[in-house]
């Protein structure tokens, strides 16, 4: 079954500078909906390029699978 934005909750979005290279990124925490538990479960902290739209951050999490 294909995942959608409704299957994820993205929180604590922050801008950061990554490492010695000075690369700009967004950091955030992600939660994924688990139907068997009927709840959003924490799946980890992630980074994305700084220009990634907030509404598209769920796609970064979905790509990990």
PDB file of N, CA and C in Angstrom:
ATOM      1  N   UNK A   1       0.836  -1.183   0.000  1.00  0.00           N
ATOM      2  CA  UNK A   1       0.000   0.000   0.000  1.00  0.00           C
ATOM      3  C   UNK A   1       0.883   1.248   0.000  1.00  0.00           C
ATOM      4  N   UNK A   2       0.573   2.171  -0.846  1.00  0.00           N
ATOM      5  CA  UNK A   2       1.374   3.397  -0.975  1.00  0.00           C
ATOM      6  C   UNK A   2       1.158   4.321   0.222  1.00  0.00           C
ATOM      7  N   UNK A   3       2.235   4.890   0.691  1.00  0.00           N
ATOM      8  CA  UNK A   3       2.174   5.826   1.818  1.00  0.00           C
ATOM      9  C   UNK A   3       1.829   7.216   1.308  1.00  0.00           C
ATOM     10  N   UNK A   4       1.160   7.989   2.160  1.00  0.00           N
ATOM     11  CA  UNK A   4       0.814   9.369   1.840  1.00  0.00           C
ATOM     12  C   UNK A   4       1.256  10.265   2.994  1.00  0.00           C
ATOM     13  N   UNK A   5       1.106  11.549   2.821  1.00  0.00           N
ATOM     14  CA  UNK A   5       1.474  12.503   3.868  1.00  0.00           C
ATOM     15  C   UNK A   5       0.686  12.263   5.144  1.00  0.00           C
ATOM     16  N   UNK A   6      -0.536  11.747   5.031  1.00  0.00           N
ATOM     17  CA  UNK A   6      -1.373  11.490   6.208  1.00  0.00           C
ATOM     18  C   UNK A   6      -0.818  10.371   7.090  1.00  0.00           C
ATOM     19  N   UNK A   7       0.082   9.561   6.555  1.00  0.00           N
ATOM     20  CA  UNK A   7       0.674   8.462   7.311  1.00  0.00           C
ATOM     21  C   UNK A   7       1.841   8.910   8.191  1.00  0.00           C
ATOM     22  N   UNK A   8       2.225  10.182   8.085  1.00  0.00           N
ATOM     23  CA  UNK A   8       3.384  10.684   8.821  1.00  0.00           C
ATOM     24  C   UNK A   8       3.049  11.962   9.569  1.00  0.00           C
ATOM     25  N   UNK A   9       3.734  12.158  10.670  1.00  0.00           N
ATOM     26  CA  UNK A   9       3.668  13.418  11.413  1.00  0.00           C
ATOM     27  C   UNK A   9       5.107  13.924  11.530  1.00  0.00           C
ATOM     28  N   UNK A  10       5.328  15.138  11.087  1.00  0.00           N
ATOM     29  CA  UNK A  10       6.650  15.755  11.113  1.00  0.00           C
ATOM     30  C   UNK A  10       6.630  16.866  12.158  1.00  0.00           C
ATOM     31  N   UNK A  11       7.594  16.851  13.067  1.00  0.00           N
ATOM     32  CA  UNK A  11       7.642  17.839  14.148  1.00  0.00           C
ATOM     33  C   UNK A  11       9.060  18.362  14.346  1.00  0.00           C
ATOM     34  N   UNK A  12       9.150  19.463  15.067  1.00  0.00           N
ATOM     35  CA  UNK A  12      10.424  20.062  15.478  1.00  0.00           C
ATOM     36  C   UNK A  12      11.351  20.351  14.300  1.00  0.00           C
ATOM     37  N   UNK A  13      10.833  21.008  13.290  1.00  0.00           N
ATOM     38  CA  UNK A  13      11.622  21.365  12.108  1.00  0.00           C
ATOM     39  C   UNK A  13      12.531  22.533  12.469  1.00  0.00           C
ATOM     40  N   UNK A  14      13.822  22.374  12.201  1.00  0.00           N
ATOM     41  CA  UNK A  14      14.803  23.414  12.492  1.00  0.00           C
ATOM     42  C   UNK A  14      15.790  23.529  11.333  1.00  0.00           C
ATOM     43  N   UNK A  15      16.346  24.719  11.173  1.00  0.00           N
ATOM     44  CA  UNK A  15      17.419  24.927  10.203  1.00  0.00           C
ATOM     45  C   UNK A  15      18.741  24.731  10.915  1.00  0.00           C
ATOM     46  N   UNK A  16      19.701  24.167  10.210  1.00  0.00           N
ATOM     47  CA  UNK A  16      21.003  23.916  10.814  1.00  0.00           C
ATOM     48  C   UNK A  16      22.090  24.002   9.751  1.00  0.00           C
ATOM     49  N   UNK A  17      23.313  24.169  10.207  1.00  0.00           N
ATOM     50  CA  UNK A  17      24.489  24.115   9.344  1.00  0.00           C
ATOM     51  C   UNK A  17      25.209  22.827   9.689  1.00  0.00           C
ATOM     52  N   UNK A  18      25.433  22.000   8.684  1.00  0.00           N
ATOM     53  CA  UNK A  18      25.954  20.657   8.886  1.00  0.00           C
ATOM     54  C   UNK A  18      27.458  20.598   8.670  1.00  0.00           C
ATOM     55  N   UNK A  19      28.174  20.211   9.711  1.00  0.00           N
ATOM     56  CA  UNK A  19      29.590  19.916   9.615  1.00  0.00           C
ATOM     57  C   UNK A  19      30.488  21.050   9.161  1.00  0.00           C
ATOM     58  N   UNK A  20      31.713  20.686   8.858  1.00  0.00           N
ATOM     59  CA  UNK A  20      32.735  21.648   8.478  1.00  0.00           C
ATOM     60  C   UNK A  20      32.499  22.217   7.084  1.00  0.00           C
ATOM     61  N   UNK A  21      31.676  21.546   6.288  1.00  0.00           N
ATOM     62  CA  UNK A  21      31.421  22.019   4.935  1.00  0.00           C
ATOM     63  C   UNK A  21      30.469  23.213   4.916  1.00  0.00           C
ATOM     64  N   UNK A  22      29.729  23.398   5.978  1.00  0.00           N
ATOM     65  CA  UNK A  22      28.800  24.518   6.056  1.00  0.00           C
ATOM     66  C   UNK A  22      27.523  24.302   5.256  1.00  0.00           C
ATOM     67  N   UNK A  23      27.182  23.064   4.974  1.00  0.00           N
ATOM     68  CA  UNK A  23      25.973  22.744   4.218  1.00  0.00           C
ATOM     69  C   UNK A  23      24.734  23.066   5.044  1.00  0.00           C
ATOM     70  N   UNK A  24      23.800  23.797   4.463  1.00  0.00           N
ATOM     71  CA  UNK A  24      22.554  24.140   5.136  1.00  0.00           C
ATOM     72  C   UNK A  24      21.566  22.982   4.988  1.00  0.00           C
ATOM     73  N   UNK A  25      20.943  22.596   6.089  1.00  0.00           N
ATOM     74  CA  UNK A  25      19.977  21.499   6.090  1.00  0.00           C
ATOM     75  C   UNK A  25      18.799  21.848   6.998  1.00  0.00           C
ATOM     76  N   UNK A  26      17.751  21.037   6.900  1.00  0.00           N
ATOM     77  CA  UNK A  26      16.645  21.076   7.846  1.00  0.00           C
ATOM     78  C   UNK A  26      16.713  19.792   8.648  1.00  0.00           C
ATOM     79  N   UNK A  27      16.535  19.894   9.943  1.00  0.00           N
ATOM     80  CA  UNK A  27      16.457  18.713  10.784  1.00  0.00           C
ATOM     81  C   UNK A  27      15.031  18.609  11.307  1.00  0.00           C
ATOM     82  N   UNK A  28      14.569  17.382  11.526  1.00  0.00           N
ATOM     83  CA  UNK A  28      13.207  17.186  12.018  1.00  0.00           C
ATOM     84  C   UNK A  28      13.045  15.787  12.588  1.00  0.00           C
ATOM     85  N   UNK A  29      11.979  15.614  13.367  1.00  0.00           N
ATOM     86  CA  UNK A  29      11.624  14.316  13.902  1.00  0.00           C
ATOM     87  C   UNK A  29      10.386  13.825  13.170  1.00  0.00           C
ATOM     88  N   UNK A  30      10.315  12.514  12.958  1.00  0.00           N
ATOM     89  CA  UNK A  30       9.203  11.947  12.215  1.00  0.00           C
ATOM     90  C   UNK A  30       8.514  10.840  13.001  1.00  0.00           C
ATOM     91  N   UNK A  31       7.201  10.790  12.822  1.00  0.00           N
ATOM     92  CA  UNK A  31       6.355   9.761  13.412  1.00  0.00           C
ATOM     93  C   UNK A  31       5.553   9.128  12.283  1.00  0.00           C
ATOM     94  N   UNK A  32       5.373   7.811  12.351  1.00  0.00           N
ATOM     95  CA  UNK A  32       4.617   7.098  11.323  1.00  0.00           C
ATOM     96  C   UNK A  32       3.403   6.440  11.962  1.00  0.00           C
ATOM     97  N   UNK A  33       2.262   6.513  11.272  1.00  0.00           N
ATOM     98  CA  UNK A  33       1.040   5.924  11.802  1.00  0.00           C
ATOM     99  C   UNK A  33       1.094   4.409  11.676  1.00  0.00           C
ATOM    100  N   UNK A  34       0.849   3.731  12.772  1.00  0.00           N
ATOM    101  CA  UNK A  34       0.799   2.267  12.800  1.00  0.00           C
ATOM    102  C   UNK A  34      -0.644   1.864  13.088  1.00  0.00           C
ATOM    103  N   UNK A  35      -1.303   1.284  12.099  1.00  0.00           N
ATOM    104  CA  UNK A  35      -2.722   0.942  12.226  1.00  0.00           C
ATOM    105  C   UNK A  35      -2.972  -0.075  13.338  1.00  0.00           C
ATOM    106  N   UNK A  36      -2.053  -1.039  13.499  1.00  0.00           N
ATOM    107  CA  UNK A  36      -2.262  -2.059  14.527  1.00  0.00           C
ATOM    108  C   UNK A  36      -2.219  -1.479  15.936  1.00  0.00           C
ATOM    109  N   UNK A  37      -1.489  -0.385  16.112  1.00  0.00           N
ATOM    110  CA  UNK A  37      -1.400   0.284  17.414  1.00  0.00           C
ATOM    111  C   UNK A  37      -2.332   1.480  17.497  1.00  0.00           C
ATOM    112  N   UNK A  38      -2.891   1.873  16.366  1.00  0.00           N
ATOM    113  CA  UNK A  38      -3.777   3.040  16.265  1.00  0.00           C
ATOM    114  C   UNK A  38      -3.125   4.287  16.858  1.00  0.00           C
ATOM    115  N   UNK A  39      -1.841   4.477  16.494  1.00  0.00           N
ATOM    116  CA  UNK A  39      -1.084   5.605  17.024  1.00  0.00           C
ATOM    117  C   UNK A  39       0.084   5.933  16.103  1.00  0.00           C
ATOM    118  N   UNK A  40       0.609   7.151  16.253  1.00  0.00           N
ATOM    119  CA  UNK A  40       1.823   7.541  15.558  1.00  0.00           C
ATOM    120  C   UNK A  40       3.008   7.101  16.410  1.00  0.00           C
ATOM    121  N   UNK A  41       3.959   6.432  15.786  1.00  0.00           N
ATOM    122  CA  UNK A  41       5.129   5.887  16.477  1.00  0.00           C
ATOM    123  C   UNK A  41       6.375   6.609  15.966  1.00  0.00           C
ATOM    124  N   UNK A  42       7.251   7.026  16.881  1.00  0.00           N
ATOM    125  CA  UNK A  42       8.487   7.720  16.523  1.00  0.00           C
ATOM    126  C   UNK A  42       9.363   6.803  15.691  1.00  0.00           C
ATOM    127  N   UNK A  43       9.819   7.309  14.529  1.00  0.00           N
ATOM    128  CA  UNK A  43      10.691   6.514  13.658  1.00  0.00           C
ATOM    129  C   UNK A  43      12.091   7.091  13.532  1.00  0.00           C
ATOM    130  N   UNK A  44      12.324   8.308  14.050  1.00  0.00           N
ATOM    131  CA  UNK A  44      13.681   8.824  14.053  1.00  0.00           C
ATOM    132  C   UNK A  44      13.806  10.294  13.733  1.00  0.00           C
ATOM    133  N   UNK A  45      15.050  10.756  13.820  1.00  0.00           N
ATOM    134  CA  UNK A  45      15.402  12.111  13.440  1.00  0.00           C
ATOM    135  C   UNK A  45      16.015  12.083  12.049  1.00  0.00           C
ATOM    136  N   UNK A  46      15.724  13.084  11.245  1.00  0.00           N
ATOM    137  CA  UNK A  46      16.157  13.096   9.854  1.00  0.00           C
ATOM    138  C   UNK A  46      16.694  14.460   9.469  1.00  0.00           C
ATOM    139  N   UNK A  47      17.417  14.500   8.354  1.00  0.00           N
ATOM    140  CA  UNK A  47      17.849  15.759   7.753  1.00  0.00           C
ATOM    141  C   UNK A  47      17.423  15.759   6.289  1.00  0.00           C
ATOM    142  N   UNK A  48      17.213  16.961   5.774  1.00  0.00           N
ATOM    143  CA  UNK A  48      16.858  17.150   4.367  1.00  0.00           C
ATOM    144  C   UNK A  48      17.547  18.416   3.883  1.00  0.00           C
ATOM    145  N   UNK A  49      17.730  18.567   2.575  1.00  0.00           N
ATOM    146  CA  UNK A  49      18.301  19.814   2.063  1.00  0.00           C
ATOM    147  C   UNK A  49      17.475  21.011   2.526  1.00  0.00           C
ATOM    148  N   UNK A  50      18.124  22.123   2.757  1.00  0.00           N
ATOM    149  CA  UNK A  50      17.480  23.305   3.326  1.00  0.00           C
ATOM    150  C   UNK A  50      16.319  23.820   2.486  1.00  0.00           C
ATOM    151  N   UNK A  51      16.365  23.624   1.197  1.00  0.00           N
ATOM    152  CA  UNK A  51      15.309  24.154   0.328  1.00  0.00           C
ATOM    153  C   UNK A  51      14.118  23.217   0.182  1.00  0.00           C
ATOM    154  N   UNK A  52      14.125  22.085   0.863  1.00  0.00           N
ATOM    155  CA  UNK A  52      12.994  21.167   0.827  1.00  0.00           C
ATOM    156  C   UNK A  52      11.801  21.823   1.509  1.00  0.00           C
ATOM    157  N   UNK A  53      10.660  21.826   0.845  1.00  0.00           N
ATOM    158  CA  UNK A  53       9.446  22.402   1.430  1.00  0.00           C
ATOM    159  C   UNK A  53       9.013  21.564   2.636  1.00  0.00           C
ATOM    160  N   UNK A  54       8.538  22.232   3.681  1.00  0.00           N
ATOM    161  CA  UNK A  54       8.097  21.520   4.876  1.00  0.00           C
ATOM    162  C   UNK A  54       7.029  20.479   4.552  1.00  0.00           C
ATOM    163  N   UNK A  55       6.141  20.790   3.611  1.00  0.00           N
ATOM    164  CA  UNK A  55       5.075  19.861   3.262  1.00  0.00           C
ATOM    165  C   UNK A  55       5.594  18.598   2.571  1.00  0.00           C
ATOM    166  N   UNK A  56       6.848  18.608   2.103  1.00  0.00           N
ATOM    167  CA  UNK A  56       7.435  17.456   1.426  1.00  0.00           C
ATOM    168  C   UNK A  56       8.412  16.663   2.294  1.00  0.00           C
ATOM    169  N   UNK A  57       8.582  17.033   3.542  1.00  0.00           N
ATOM    170  CA  UNK A  57       9.531  16.334   4.397  1.00  0.00           C
ATOM    171  C   UNK A  57       9.130  14.880   4.653  1.00  0.00           C
ATOM    172  N   UNK A  58       7.851  14.588   4.608  1.00  0.00           N
ATOM    173  CA  UNK A  58       7.411  13.206   4.806  1.00  0.00           C
ATOM    174  C   UNK A  58       7.995  12.276   3.746  1.00  0.00           C
ATOM    175  N   UNK A  59       8.273  12.800   2.568  1.00  0.00           N
ATOM    176  CA  UNK A  59       8.841  11.980   1.488  1.00  0.00           C
ATOM    177  C   UNK A  59      10.243  11.507   1.826  1.00  0.00           C
ATOM    178  N   UNK A  60      11.002  12.313   2.574  1.00  0.00           N
ATOM    179  CA  UNK A  60      12.345  11.911   3.015  1.00  0.00           C
ATOM    180  C   UNK A  60      12.234  10.675   3.912  1.00  0.00           C
ATOM    181  N   UNK A  61      11.249  10.677   4.789  1.00  0.00           N
ATOM    182  CA  UNK A  61      11.043   9.558   5.702  1.00  0.00           C
ATOM    183  C   UNK A  61      10.567   8.329   4.912  1.00  0.00           C
ATOM    184  N   UNK A  62       9.661   8.517   3.981  1.00  0.00           N
ATOM    185  CA  UNK A  62       9.120   7.407   3.198  1.00  0.00           C
ATOM    186  C   UNK A  62      10.195   6.738   2.354  1.00  0.00           C
ATOM    187  N   UNK A  63      11.201   7.473   1.910  1.00  0.00           N
ATOM    188  CA  UNK A  63      12.266   6.917   1.075  1.00  0.00           C
ATOM    189  C   UNK A  63      13.183   5.962   1.829  1.00  0.00           C
ATOM    190  N   UNK A  64      13.189   6.023   3.134  1.00  0.00           N
ATOM    191  CA  UNK A  64      14.077   5.176   3.939  1.00  0.00           C
ATOM    192  C   UNK A  64      13.714   3.703   3.833  1.00  0.00           C
ATOM    193  N   UNK A  65      12.512   3.401   3.417  1.00  0.00           N
ATOM    194  CA  UNK A  65      12.051   1.993   3.348  1.00  0.00           C
ATOM    195  C   UNK A  65      12.427   1.332   2.061  1.00  0.00           C
TER     196      UNK A  65
END
